[in-house]
C-alpha atoms as a PDB file:
ATOM      1  CA  MET A   1     -76.222 131.141  92.852  1.00  0.00           C
ATOM      2  CA  ALA A   2     -74.392 134.235  93.839  1.00  0.00           C
ATOM      3  CA  GLU A   3     -76.232 137.500  93.518  1.00  0.00           C
ATOM      4  CA  GLN A   4     -74.434 139.849  90.968  1.00  0.00           C
ATOM      5  CA  LEU A   5     -73.989 143.307  92.358  1.00  0.00           C
ATOM      6  CA  PRO A   6     -75.153 145.922  89.494  1.00  0.00           C
ATOM      7  CA  SER A   7     -72.513 147.840  87.569  1.00  0.00           C
ATOM      8  CA  GLY A   8     -71.781 151.543  88.405  1.00  0.00           C
ATOM      9  CA  LYS A   9     -71.365 153.296  91.464  1.00  0.00           C
ATOM     10  CA  ALA A  10     -74.785 153.065  92.742  1.00  0.00           C
ATOM     11  CA  TYR A  11     -75.753 150.038  95.123  1.00  0.00           C
ATOM     12  CA  ARG A  12     -79.504 149.432  96.164  1.00  0.00           C
ATOM     13  CA  ASP A  13     -79.965 147.089  98.796  1.00  0.00           C
ATOM     14  CA  ASN A  14     -83.453 145.782  99.920  1.00  0.00           C
ATOM     15  CA  TRP A  15     -83.892 148.461 102.573  1.00  0.00           C
ATOM     16  CA  GLY A  16     -83.239 151.411 100.413  1.00  0.00           C
ATOM     17  CA  THR A  17     -80.242 152.704 101.920  1.00  0.00           C
ATOM     18  CA  GLY A  18     -77.790 152.560  99.088  1.00  0.00           C
ATOM     19  CA  ALA A  19     -74.956 151.901 100.828  1.00  0.00           C
ATOM     20  CA  ARG A  20     -73.100 148.782 101.928  1.00  0.00           C
ATOM     21  CA  GLU A  21     -71.968 148.386 105.485  1.00  0.00           C
ATOM     22  CA  GLY A  22     -70.217 146.051 107.531  1.00  0.00           C
ATOM     23  CA  TYR A  23     -66.917 145.891 106.221  1.00  0.00           C
ATOM     24  CA  GLU A  24     -64.022 148.206 105.297  1.00  0.00           C
ATOM     25  CA  ASP A  25     -63.167 148.267 101.349  1.00  0.00           C
ATOM     26  CA  ARG A  26     -59.269 149.015 101.614  1.00  0.00           C
ATOM     27  CA  GLY A  27     -58.306 148.299  98.001  1.00  0.00           C
ATOM     28  CA  PRO A  28     -55.119 146.656  97.116  1.00  0.00           C
ATOM     29  CA  ALA A  29     -52.715 149.927  97.890  1.00  0.00           C
ATOM     30  CA  ARG A  30     -54.071 151.295 100.783  1.00  0.00           C
ATOM     31  CA  PRO A  31     -52.412 149.893 104.130  1.00  0.00           C
ATOM     32  CA  PRO A  32     -54.515 148.864 106.993  1.00  0.00           C
ATOM     33  CA  ARG A  33     -55.433 151.507 110.091  1.00  0.00           C
ATOM     34  CA  GLU A  34     -53.478 151.456 113.006  1.00  0.00           C
ATOM     35  CA  PRO A  35     -55.262 150.234 115.996  1.00  0.00           C
ATOM     36  CA  ARG A  36     -56.003 153.508 118.665  1.00  0.00           C
ATOM     37  CA  LYS A  37     -54.138 153.464 121.629  1.00  0.00           C
ATOM     38  CA  GLU A  38     -56.158 152.883 124.706  1.00  0.00           C
ATOM     39  CA  ARG A  39     -56.697 155.903 127.217  1.00  0.00           C
ATOM     40  CA  GLY A  40     -55.722 155.153 130.713  1.00  0.00           C
ATOM     41  CA  SER A  41     -53.700 152.598 132.403  1.00  0.00           C
ATOM     42  CA  PRO A  42     -53.825 148.692 131.648  1.00  0.00           C
ATOM     43  CA  ILE A  43     -52.032 148.163 134.698  1.00  0.00           C
ATOM     44  CA  LEU A  44     -54.461 149.846 136.796  1.00  0.00           C
ATOM     45  CA  ARG A  45     -57.652 148.278 135.010  1.00  0.00           C
ATOM     46  CA  GLY A  46     -56.167 144.660 135.280  1.00  0.00           C
ATOM     47  CA  LEU A  47     -55.243 145.107 139.138  1.00  0.00           C
ATOM     48  CA  GLY A  48     -58.929 146.543 139.565  1.00  0.00           C
ATOM     49  CA  GLY A  49     -60.348 143.662 137.768  1.00  0.00           C
ATOM     50  CA  ILE A  50     -58.423 141.063 139.527  1.00  0.00           C
ATOM     51  CA  SER A  51     -59.414 142.858 142.808  1.00  0.00           C
ATOM     52  CA  ILE A  52     -63.086 143.074 142.196  1.00  0.00           C
ATOM     53  CA  ALA A  53     -62.860 139.410 141.280  1.00  0.00           C
ATOM     54  CA  GLY A  54     -61.165 138.405 144.394  1.00  0.00           C
ATOM     55  CA  GLY A  55     -63.434 140.546 146.359  1.00  0.00           C
ATOM     56  CA  VAL A  56     -66.546 138.520 144.721  1.00  0.00           C
ATOM     57  CA  PHE A  57     -64.800 134.952 145.520  1.00  0.00           C
ATOM     58  CA  TRP A  58     -63.772 135.926 148.883  1.00  0.00           C
ATOM     59  CA  GLY A  59     -67.632 137.233 149.716  1.00  0.00           C
ATOM     60  CA  LEU A  60     -68.911 133.983 148.226  1.00  0.00           C
ATOM     61  CA  TYR A  61     -66.815 132.136 150.699  1.00  0.00           C
ATOM     62  CA  VAL A  62     -67.509 134.178 153.567  1.00  0.00           C
ATOM     63  CA  VAL A  63     -71.401 133.834 152.645  1.00  0.00           C
ATOM     64  CA  VAL A  64     -71.065 129.905 152.014  1.00  0.00           C
ATOM     65  CA  TYR A  65     -68.934 128.889 155.099  1.00  0.00           C
ATOM     66  CA  GLY A  66     -69.655 131.805 157.569  1.00  0.00           C
ATOM     67  CA  GLY A  67     -73.526 131.432 157.877  1.00  0.00           C
ATOM     68  CA  GLY A  68     -75.157 133.265 154.953  1.00  0.00           C
ATOM     69  CA  PHE A  69     -75.567 136.875 154.134  1.00  0.00           C
ATOM     70  CA  MET A  70     -75.365 137.685 157.823  1.00  0.00           C
ATOM     71  CA  ALA A  71     -71.796 136.925 158.184  1.00  0.00           C
ATOM     72  CA  LEU A  72     -70.961 139.952 155.535  1.00  0.00           C
ATOM     73  CA  ARG A  73     -72.682 142.077 158.146  1.00  0.00           C
ATOM     74  CA  HIS A  74     -69.514 141.294 160.407  1.00  0.00           C
ATOM     75  CA  ASN A  75     -66.779 141.048 157.757  1.00  0.00           C
ATOM     76  CA  TYR A  76     -66.444 143.844 155.620  1.00  0.00           C
ATOM     77  CA  GLY A  77     -63.305 142.953 154.124  1.00  0.00           C
ATOM     78  CA  PRO A  78     -64.953 141.384 150.859  1.00  0.00           C
ATOM     79  CA  ILE A  79     -66.944 144.586 150.142  1.00  0.00           C
ATOM     80  CA  ALA A  80     -63.806 146.769 150.985  1.00  0.00           C
ATOM     81  CA  VAL A  81     -61.857 144.793 148.403  1.00  0.00           C
ATOM     82  CA  VAL A  82     -64.833 144.922 145.685  1.00  0.00           C
ATOM     83  CA  ALA A  83     -65.138 148.887 146.157  1.00  0.00           C
ATOM     84  CA  LEU A  84     -61.070 149.274 146.119  1.00  0.00           C
ATOM     85  CA  GLY A  85     -61.289 147.158 142.838  1.00  0.00           C
ATOM     86  CA  ALA A  86     -64.014 149.287 141.559  1.00  0.00           C
ATOM     87  CA  VAL A  87     -62.160 152.510 142.138  1.00  0.00           C
ATOM     88  CA  CYS A  88     -59.007 151.461 140.892  1.00  0.00           C
ATOM     89  CA  SER A  89     -60.489 150.280 137.778  1.00  0.00           C
ATOM     90  CA  VAL A  90     -62.422 153.472 136.829  1.00  0.00           C
ATOM     91  CA  MET A  91     -58.795 155.366 138.092  1.00  0.00           C
ATOM     92  CA  GLY A  92     -57.162 153.416 135.328  1.00  0.00           C
ATOM     93  CA  LYS A  93     -59.620 153.992 132.706  1.00  0.00           C
ATOM     94  CA  TYR A  94     -58.917 157.772 132.973  1.00  0.00           C
ATOM     95  CA  LEU A  95     -55.544 158.239 134.337  1.00  0.00           C
ATOM     96  CA  ARG A  96     -52.214 157.412 132.873  1.00  0.00           C
ATOM     97  CA  ALA A  97     -49.471 155.836 134.827  1.00  0.00           C
END
């Protein structure tokens, strides 16, 4: 059986906050809010994410087929690609392209 809400403006929940949270009561005439435009450049962020993922997979390949973690000491490529992706992703968050 559904619990009936008390009539009037005062609503009292089990925790004593007196507020209902978790949804936006827009009413019948108010249109939904427009989504905020994200700051930064989505192209740079995407490029950074792809670069990070590529560097991680390349590093995994070097570790598995190159003789363990010592192979990363001789091949700095995957580490550089991950670092470049991180820098690109951070730049993409704050810079507009």
